[in-house]
Amino acid sequence: MIDTTGWNEYPFTVNGIQFISKAKPGSDMGVKFESIPREVLDNINTSCVLDIIGNDVDKLSREYLVSLLEIVNANGTEAVVELA
């Protein structure tokens, strides 16, 4: 797992489950995240989670969600999504 210490954090909720989108400050993704209105970023993050994990996020175990996010974040260098 990549070290995200010092990265900007953007909490959001999908079906009652709390996530945190993180972006590396100064990186291309970090600059994009900072320039997008928060409501728009939350909608993008929510859509991504639903597209990748599915609509039943709230029915999955925390352990299973963590394992899915590890796969999704495996090649992330500028942005990741984690469970809160």
PDB file of N, CA and C in Angstrom:
ATOM      1  N   MET A   1       0.845  -1.181   0.000  1.00  0.00           N
ATOM      2  CA  MET A   1       0.000   0.000   0.000  1.00  0.00           C
ATOM      3  C   MET A   1       0.886   1.238   0.000  1.00  0.00           C
ATOM      4  N   ILE A   2       0.506   2.211  -0.798  1.00  0.00           N
ATOM      5  CA  ILE A   2       1.251   3.458  -0.914  1.00  0.00           C
ATOM      6  C   ILE A   2       1.086   4.303   0.351  1.00  0.00           C
ATOM      7  N   ASP A   3       2.144   5.004   0.726  1.00  0.00           N
ATOM      8  CA  ASP A   3       2.088   5.880   1.891  1.00  0.00           C
ATOM      9  C   ASP A   3       1.384   7.175   1.489  1.00  0.00           C
ATOM     10  N   THR A   4       0.233   7.433   2.090  1.00  0.00           N
ATOM     11  CA  THR A   4      -0.551   8.626   1.760  1.00  0.00           C
ATOM     12  C   THR A   4      -0.469   9.687   2.860  1.00  0.00           C
ATOM     13  N   THR A   5       0.535   9.599   3.692  1.00  0.00           N
ATOM     14  CA  THR A   5       0.734  10.589   4.745  1.00  0.00           C
ATOM     15  C   THR A   5       0.895  11.966   4.104  1.00  0.00           C
ATOM     16  N   GLY A   6       0.141  12.930   4.591  1.00  0.00           N
ATOM     17  CA  GLY A   6       0.228  14.289   4.079  1.00  0.00           C
ATOM     18  C   GLY A   6      -0.620  14.562   2.847  1.00  0.00           C
ATOM     19  N   TRP A   7      -1.323  13.554   2.365  1.00  0.00           N
ATOM     20  CA  TRP A   7      -2.185  13.748   1.191  1.00  0.00           C
ATOM     21  C   TRP A   7      -3.467  14.449   1.616  1.00  0.00           C
ATOM     22  N   ASN A   8      -4.070  15.174   0.694  1.00  0.00           N
ATOM     23  CA  ASN A   8      -5.351  15.814   0.961  1.00  0.00           C
ATOM     24  C   ASN A   8      -6.444  14.756   1.035  1.00  0.00           C
ATOM     25  N   GLU A   9      -7.360  14.920   1.973  1.00  0.00           N
ATOM     26  CA  GLU A   9      -8.430  13.947   2.192  1.00  0.00           C
ATOM     27  C   GLU A   9      -9.787  14.564   1.873  1.00  0.00           C
ATOM     28  N   TYR A  10     -10.622  13.767   1.205  1.00  0.00           N
ATOM     29  CA  TYR A  10     -11.955  14.203   0.803  1.00  0.00           C
ATOM     30  C   TYR A  10     -12.968  13.123   1.201  1.00  0.00           C
ATOM     31  N   PRO A  11     -13.509  13.203   2.420  1.00  0.00           N
ATOM     32  CA  PRO A  11     -14.482  12.195   2.869  1.00  0.00           C
ATOM     33  C   PRO A  11     -15.778  12.271   2.051  1.00  0.00           C
ATOM     34  N   PHE A  12     -16.377  11.109   1.822  1.00  0.00           N
ATOM     35  CA  PHE A  12     -17.677  11.031   1.155  1.00  0.00           C
ATOM     36  C   PHE A  12     -18.355   9.741   1.593  1.00  0.00           C
ATOM     37  N   THR A  13     -19.651   9.656   1.379  1.00  0.00           N
ATOM     38  CA  THR A  13     -20.444   8.509   1.832  1.00  0.00           C
ATOM     39  C   THR A  13     -21.188   7.895   0.660  1.00  0.00           C
ATOM     40  N   VAL A  14     -21.172   6.561   0.611  1.00  0.00           N
ATOM     41  CA  VAL A  14     -21.927   5.820  -0.402  1.00  0.00           C
ATOM     42  C   VAL A  14     -22.786   4.791   0.318  1.00  0.00           C
ATOM     43  N   ASN A  15     -24.088   4.899   0.175  1.00  0.00           N
ATOM     44  CA  ASN A  15     -25.027   3.964   0.807  1.00  0.00           C
ATOM     45  C   ASN A  15     -24.746   3.785   2.300  1.00  0.00           C
ATOM     46  N   GLY A  16     -24.424   4.872   2.970  1.00  0.00           N
ATOM     47  CA  GLY A  16     -24.172   4.828   4.406  1.00  0.00           C
ATOM     48  C   GLY A  16     -22.768   4.400   4.796  1.00  0.00           C
ATOM     49  N   ILE A  17     -21.933   4.030   3.842  1.00  0.00           N
ATOM     50  CA  ILE A  17     -20.555   3.622   4.125  1.00  0.00           C
ATOM     51  C   ILE A  17     -19.643   4.820   3.874  1.00  0.00           C
ATOM     52  N   GLN A  18     -18.781   5.113   4.835  1.00  0.00           N
ATOM     53  CA  GLN A  18     -17.903   6.275   4.730  1.00  0.00           C
ATOM     54  C   GLN A  18     -16.574   5.890   4.077  1.00  0.00           C
ATOM     55  N   PHE A  19     -16.215   6.671   3.075  1.00  0.00           N
ATOM     56  CA  PHE A  19     -14.963   6.513   2.349  1.00  0.00           C
ATOM     57  C   PHE A  19     -14.167   7.798   2.449  1.00  0.00           C
ATOM     58  N   ILE A  20     -12.887   7.719   2.096  1.00  0.00           N
ATOM     59  CA  ILE A  20     -12.032   8.894   1.986  1.00  0.00           C
ATOM     60  C   ILE A  20     -11.275   8.778   0.671  1.00  0.00           C
ATOM     61  N   SER A  21     -11.438   9.778  -0.160  1.00  0.00           N
ATOM     62  CA  SER A  21     -10.648   9.899  -1.367  1.00  0.00           C
ATOM     63  C   SER A  21      -9.436  10.728  -0.990  1.00  0.00           C
ATOM     64  N   LYS A  22      -8.245  10.279  -1.378  1.00  0.00           N
ATOM     65  CA  LYS A  22      -7.023  11.001  -1.038  1.00  0.00           C
ATOM     66  C   LYS A  22      -6.276  11.341  -2.318  1.00  0.00           C
ATOM     67  N   ALA A  23      -5.697  12.535  -2.353  1.00  0.00           N
ATOM     68  CA  ALA A  23      -4.924  12.969  -3.506  1.00  0.00           C
ATOM     69  C   ALA A  23      -3.615  13.597  -3.047  1.00  0.00           C
ATOM     70  N   LYS A  24      -2.562  13.285  -3.776  1.00  0.00           N
ATOM     71  CA  LYS A  24      -1.233  13.800  -3.467  1.00  0.00           C
ATOM     72  C   LYS A  24      -1.158  15.279  -3.856  1.00  0.00           C
ATOM     73  N   PRO A  25      -0.865  16.150  -2.890  1.00  0.00           N
ATOM     74  CA  PRO A  25      -0.783  17.582  -3.185  1.00  0.00           C
ATOM     75  C   PRO A  25       0.264  17.870  -4.263  1.00  0.00           C
ATOM     76  N   GLY A  26      -0.091  18.763  -5.181  1.00  0.00           N
ATOM     77  CA  GLY A  26       0.840  19.161  -6.227  1.00  0.00           C
ATOM     78  C   GLY A  26       0.888  18.243  -7.427  1.00  0.00           C
ATOM     79  N   SER A  27       0.339  17.035  -7.293  1.00  0.00           N
ATOM     80  CA  SER A  27       0.311  16.109  -8.433  1.00  0.00           C
ATOM     81  C   SER A  27      -0.809  16.530  -9.385  1.00  0.00           C
ATOM     82  N   ASP A  28      -0.804  15.960 -10.581  1.00  0.00           N
ATOM     83  CA  ASP A  28      -1.871  16.277 -11.541  1.00  0.00           C
ATOM     84  C   ASP A  28      -3.248  16.014 -10.936  1.00  0.00           C
ATOM     85  N   MET A  29      -3.419  14.846 -10.309  1.00  0.00           N
ATOM     86  CA  MET A  29      -4.708  14.520  -9.700  1.00  0.00           C
ATOM     87  C   MET A  29      -5.003  15.430  -8.509  1.00  0.00           C
ATOM     88  N   GLY A  30      -3.990  15.721  -7.731  1.00  0.00           N
ATOM     89  CA  GLY A  30      -4.182  16.602  -6.581  1.00  0.00           C
ATOM     90  C   GLY A  30      -4.665  17.981  -6.995  1.00  0.00           C
ATOM     91  N   VAL A  31      -4.071  18.510  -8.054  1.00  0.00           N
ATOM     92  CA  VAL A  31      -4.476  19.825  -8.568  1.00  0.00           C
ATOM     93  C   VAL A  31      -5.902  19.757  -9.103  1.00  0.00           C
ATOM     94  N   LYS A  32      -6.246  18.676  -9.809  1.00  0.00           N
ATOM     95  CA  LYS A  32      -7.611  18.516 -10.327  1.00  0.00           C
ATOM     96  C   LYS A  32      -8.611  18.448  -9.180  1.00  0.00           C
ATOM     97  N   PHE A  33      -8.297  17.644  -8.158  1.00  0.00           N
ATOM     98  CA  PHE A  33      -9.199  17.517  -7.014  1.00  0.00           C
ATOM     99  C   PHE A  33      -9.434  18.870  -6.362  1.00  0.00           C
ATOM    100  N   GLU A  34      -8.377  19.671  -6.229  1.00  0.00           N
ATOM    101  CA  GLU A  34      -8.489  20.969  -5.575  1.00  0.00           C
ATOM    102  C   GLU A  34      -9.301  21.958  -6.403  1.00  0.00           C
ATOM    103  N   SER A  35      -9.315  21.769  -7.710  1.00  0.00           N
ATOM    104  CA  SER A  35     -10.002  22.724  -8.582  1.00  0.00           C
ATOM    105  C   SER A  35     -11.474  22.391  -8.812  1.00  0.00           C
ATOM    106  N   ILE A  36     -11.884  21.186  -8.449  1.00  0.00           N
ATOM    107  CA  ILE A  36     -13.263  20.754  -8.657  1.00  0.00           C
ATOM    108  C   ILE A  36     -14.111  21.155  -7.447  1.00  0.00           C
ATOM    109  N   PRO A  37     -15.288  21.729  -7.666  1.00  0.00           N
ATOM    110  CA  PRO A  37     -16.165  22.018  -6.526  1.00  0.00           C
ATOM    111  C   PRO A  37     -16.429  20.737  -5.714  1.00  0.00           C
ATOM    112  N   ARG A  38     -16.465  20.875  -4.420  1.00  0.00           N
ATOM    113  CA  ARG A  38     -16.561  19.712  -3.527  1.00  0.00           C
ATOM    114  C   ARG A  38     -17.745  18.811  -3.854  1.00  0.00           C
ATOM    115  N   GLU A  39     -18.901  19.386  -4.133  1.00  0.00           N
ATOM    116  CA  GLU A  39     -20.084  18.585  -4.450  1.00  0.00           C
ATOM    117  C   GLU A  39     -19.864  17.750  -5.712  1.00  0.00           C
ATOM    118  N   VAL A  40     -19.202  18.320  -6.687  1.00  0.00           N
ATOM    119  CA  VAL A  40     -18.896  17.605  -7.932  1.00  0.00           C
ATOM    120  C   VAL A  40     -17.912  16.467  -7.648  1.00  0.00           C
ATOM    121  N   LEU A  41     -16.878  16.741  -6.857  1.00  0.00           N
ATOM    122  CA  LEU A  41     -15.908  15.708  -6.507  1.00  0.00           C
ATOM    123  C   LEU A  41     -16.579  14.566  -5.751  1.00  0.00           C
ATOM    124  N   ASP A  42     -17.464  14.889  -4.819  1.00  0.00           N
ATOM    125  CA  ASP A  42     -18.194  13.856  -4.078  1.00  0.00           C
ATOM    126  C   ASP A  42     -19.026  13.002  -5.023  1.00  0.00           C
ATOM    127  N   ASN A  43     -19.668  13.624  -5.996  1.00  0.00           N
ATOM    128  CA  ASN A  43     -20.467  12.872  -6.978  1.00  0.00           C
ATOM    129  C   ASN A  43     -19.588  11.981  -7.841  1.00  0.00           C
ATOM    130  N   ILE A  44     -18.426  12.477  -8.246  1.00  0.00           N
ATOM    131  CA  ILE A  44     -17.489  11.673  -9.040  1.00  0.00           C
ATOM    132  C   ILE A  44     -17.021  10.481  -8.222  1.00  0.00           C
ATOM    133  N   ASN A  45     -16.624  10.725  -6.964  1.00  0.00           N
ATOM    134  CA  ASN A  45     -16.157   9.634  -6.102  1.00  0.00           C
ATOM    135  C   ASN A  45     -17.250   8.597  -5.875  1.00  0.00           C
ATOM    136  N   THR A  46     -18.464   9.053  -5.626  1.00  0.00           N
ATOM    137  CA  THR A  46     -19.589   8.137  -5.413  1.00  0.00           C
ATOM    138  C   THR A  46     -19.833   7.295  -6.661  1.00  0.00           C
ATOM    139  N   SER A  47     -19.836   7.923  -7.811  1.00  0.00           N
ATOM    140  CA  SER A  47     -20.047   7.199  -9.071  1.00  0.00           C
ATOM    141  C   SER A  47     -18.959   6.155  -9.295  1.00  0.00           C
ATOM    142  N   CYS A  48     -17.731   6.513  -8.995  1.00  0.00           N
ATOM    143  CA  CYS A  48     -16.620   5.566  -9.164  1.00  0.00           C
ATOM    144  C   CYS A  48     -16.790   4.340  -8.271  1.00  0.00           C
ATOM    145  N   VAL A  49     -17.130   4.576  -7.008  1.00  0.00           N
ATOM    146  CA  VAL A  49     -17.324   3.452  -6.084  1.00  0.00           C
ATOM    147  C   VAL A  49     -18.459   2.553  -6.577  1.00  0.00           C
ATOM    148  N   LEU A  50     -19.575   3.149  -6.975  1.00  0.00           N
ATOM    149  CA  LEU A  50     -20.710   2.357  -7.446  1.00  0.00           C
ATOM    150  C   LEU A  50     -20.373   1.612  -8.731  1.00  0.00           C
ATOM    151  N   ASP A  51     -19.614   2.232  -9.624  1.00  0.00           N
ATOM    152  CA  ASP A  51     -19.224   1.574 -10.879  1.00  0.00           C
ATOM    153  C   ASP A  51     -18.274   0.410 -10.634  1.00  0.00           C
ATOM    154  N   ILE A  52     -17.339   0.597  -9.721  1.00  0.00           N
ATOM    155  CA  ILE A  52     -16.311  -0.419  -9.491  1.00  0.00           C
ATOM    156  C   ILE A  52     -16.780  -1.513  -8.537  1.00  0.00           C
ATOM    157  N   ILE A  53     -17.438  -1.124  -7.462  1.00  0.00           N
ATOM    158  CA  ILE A  53     -17.824  -2.089  -6.430  1.00  0.00           C
ATOM    159  C   ILE A  53     -19.260  -2.557  -6.593  1.00  0.00           C
ATOM    160  N   GLY A  54     -20.123  -1.705  -7.110  1.00  0.00           N
ATOM    161  CA  GLY A  54     -21.520  -2.076  -7.297  1.00  0.00           C
ATOM    162  C   GLY A  54     -22.434  -1.345  -6.331  1.00  0.00           C
ATOM    163  N   ASN A  55     -23.722  -1.515  -6.553  1.00  0.00           N
ATOM    164  CA  ASN A  55     -24.732  -0.788  -5.778  1.00  0.00           C
ATOM    165  C   ASN A  55     -24.950  -1.340  -4.374  1.00  0.00           C
ATOM    166  N   ASP A  56     -24.421  -2.515  -4.084  1.00  0.00           N
ATOM    167  CA  ASP A  56     -24.650  -3.142  -2.776  1.00  0.00           C
ATOM    168  C   ASP A  56     -23.483  -2.935  -1.817  1.00  0.00           C
ATOM    169  N   VAL A  57     -22.863  -1.779  -1.872  1.00  0.00           N
ATOM    170  CA  VAL A  57     -21.711  -1.473  -1.027  1.00  0.00           C
ATOM    171  C   VAL A  57     -22.035  -1.716   0.442  1.00  0.00           C
ATOM    172  N   ASP A  58     -23.228  -1.349   0.850  1.00  0.00           N
ATOM    173  CA  ASP A  58     -23.621  -1.465   2.252  1.00  0.00           C
ATOM    174  C   ASP A  58     -23.868  -2.907   2.689  1.00  0.00           C
ATOM    175  N   LYS A  59     -23.911  -3.828   1.759  1.00  0.00           N
ATOM    176  CA  LYS A  59     -24.146  -5.235   2.104  1.00  0.00           C
ATOM    177  C   LYS A  59     -22.849  -6.049   2.178  1.00  0.00           C
ATOM    178  N   LEU A  60     -21.726  -5.426   1.845  1.00  0.00           N
ATOM    179  CA  LEU A  60     -20.439  -6.113   1.839  1.00  0.00           C
ATOM    180  C   LEU A  60     -19.732  -5.916   3.174  1.00  0.00           C
ATOM    181  N   SER A  61     -18.953  -6.910   3.569  1.00  0.00           N
ATOM    182  CA  SER A  61     -18.205  -6.796   4.825  1.00  0.00           C
ATOM    183  C   SER A  61     -17.075  -5.788   4.669  1.00  0.00           C
ATOM    184  N   ARG A  62     -16.677  -5.221   5.784  1.00  0.00           N
ATOM    185  CA  ARG A  62     -15.561  -4.265   5.772  1.00  0.00           C
ATOM    186  C   ARG A  62     -14.306  -4.913   5.190  1.00  0.00           C
ATOM    187  N   GLU A  63     -14.042  -6.149   5.570  1.00  0.00           N
ATOM    188  CA  GLU A  63     -12.853  -6.857   5.087  1.00  0.00           C
ATOM    189  C   GLU A  63     -12.886  -7.015   3.567  1.00  0.00           C
ATOM    190  N   TYR A  64     -14.058  -7.340   3.039  1.00  0.00           N
ATOM    191  CA  TYR A  64     -14.186  -7.518   1.596  1.00  0.00           C
ATOM    192  C   TYR A  64     -14.017  -6.173   0.873  1.00  0.00           C
ATOM    193  N   LEU A  65     -14.601  -5.114   1.417  1.00  0.00           N
ATOM    194  CA  LEU A  65     -14.436  -3.789   0.826  1.00  0.00           C
ATOM    195  C   LEU A  65     -12.971  -3.373   0.815  1.00  0.00           C
ATOM    196  N   VAL A  66     -12.269  -3.614   1.915  1.00  0.00           N
ATOM    197  CA  VAL A  66     -10.840  -3.283   1.986  1.00  0.00           C
ATOM    198  C   VAL A  66     -10.074  -4.056   0.918  1.00  0.00           C
ATOM    199  N   SER A  67     -10.394  -5.339   0.734  1.00  0.00           N
ATOM    200  CA  SER A  67      -9.687  -6.135  -0.278  1.00  0.00           C
ATOM    201  C   SER A  67      -9.961  -5.614  -1.688  1.00  0.00           C
ATOM    202  N   LEU A  68     -11.186  -5.185  -1.951  1.00  0.00           N
ATOM    203  CA  LEU A  68     -11.509  -4.619  -3.264  1.00  0.00           C
ATOM    204  C   LEU A  68     -10.765  -3.306  -3.487  1.00  0.00           C
ATOM    205  N   LEU A  69     -10.733  -2.462  -2.470  1.00  0.00           N
ATOM    206  CA  LEU A  69     -10.045  -1.181  -2.601  1.00  0.00           C
ATOM    207  C   LEU A  69      -8.540  -1.357  -2.760  1.00  0.00           C
ATOM    208  N   GLU A  70      -7.976  -2.387  -2.155  1.00  0.00           N
ATOM    209  CA  GLU A  70      -6.547  -2.665  -2.343  1.00  0.00           C
ATOM    210  C   GLU A  70      -6.253  -2.964  -3.809  1.00  0.00           C
ATOM    211  N   ILE A  71      -7.149  -3.703  -4.446  1.00  0.00           N
ATOM    212  CA  ILE A  71      -6.986  -4.011  -5.874  1.00  0.00           C
ATOM    213  C   ILE A  71      -7.128  -2.733  -6.702  1.00  0.00           C
ATOM    214  N   VAL A  72      -8.142  -1.946  -6.406  1.00  0.00           N
ATOM    215  CA  VAL A  72      -8.392  -0.701  -7.142  1.00  0.00           C
ATOM    216  C   VAL A  72      -7.212   0.265  -6.990  1.00  0.00           C
ATOM    217  N   ASN A  73      -6.646   0.347  -5.798  1.00  0.00           N
ATOM    218  CA  ASN A  73      -5.574   1.295  -5.515  1.00  0.00           C
ATOM    219  C   ASN A  73      -4.180   0.766  -5.835  1.00  0.00           C
ATOM    220  N   ALA A  74      -4.072  -0.457  -6.292  1.00  0.00           N
ATOM    221  CA  ALA A  74      -2.778  -1.116  -6.472  1.00  0.00           C
ATOM    222  C   ALA A  74      -1.780  -0.297  -7.284  1.00  0.00           C
ATOM    223  N   ASN A  75      -2.228   0.373  -8.306  1.00  0.00           N
ATOM    224  CA  ASN A  75      -1.316   1.138  -9.155  1.00  0.00           C
ATOM    225  C   ASN A  75      -1.452   2.646  -8.952  1.00  0.00           C
ATOM    226  N   GLY A  76      -2.155   3.030  -7.907  1.00  0.00           N
ATOM    227  CA  GLY A  76      -2.354   4.454  -7.638  1.00  0.00           C
ATOM    228  C   GLY A  76      -1.079   5.120  -7.180  1.00  0.00           C
ATOM    229  N   THR A  77      -0.754   6.241  -7.784  1.00  0.00           N
ATOM    230  CA  THR A  77       0.431   7.007  -7.376  1.00  0.00           C
ATOM    231  C   THR A  77       0.063   8.435  -6.972  1.00  0.00           C
ATOM    232  N   GLU A  78      -1.119   8.885  -7.377  1.00  0.00           N
ATOM    233  CA  GLU A  78      -1.525  10.256  -7.087  1.00  0.00           C
ATOM    234  C   GLU A  78      -2.843  10.365  -6.369  1.00  0.00           C
ATOM    235  N   ALA A  79      -3.670   9.310  -6.415  1.00  0.00           N
ATOM    236  CA  ALA A  79      -4.973   9.331  -5.757  1.00  0.00           C
ATOM    237  C   ALA A  79      -5.396   7.914  -5.410  1.00  0.00           C
ATOM    238  N   VAL A  80      -6.089   7.776  -4.283  1.00  0.00           N
ATOM    239  CA  VAL A  80      -6.608   6.495  -3.835  1.00  0.00           C
ATOM    240  C   VAL A  80      -7.938   6.710  -3.140  1.00  0.00           C
ATOM    241  N   VAL A  81      -8.664   5.611  -2.941  1.00  0.00           N
ATOM    242  CA  VAL A  81      -9.913   5.637  -2.169  1.00  0.00           C
ATOM    243  C   VAL A  81      -9.757   4.604  -1.058  1.00  0.00           C
ATOM    244  N   GLU A  82     -10.103   5.006   0.162  1.00  0.00           N
ATOM    245  CA  GLU A  82     -10.007   4.120   1.316  1.00  0.00           C
ATOM    246  C   GLU A  82     -11.307   4.169   2.090  1.00  0.00           C
ATOM    247  N   LEU A  83     -11.498   3.170   2.941  1.00  0.00           N
ATOM    248  CA  LEU A  83     -12.613   3.235   3.886  1.00  0.00           C
ATOM    249  C   LEU A  83     -12.228   4.172   5.007  1.00  0.00           C
ATOM    250  N   ALA A  84     -13.198   4.901   5.506  1.00  0.00           N
ATOM    251  CA  ALA A  84     -12.933   5.827   6.627  1.00  0.00           C
ATOM    252  C   ALA A  84     -12.792   5.037   7.904  1.00  0.00           C
TER     253      ALA A  84
END
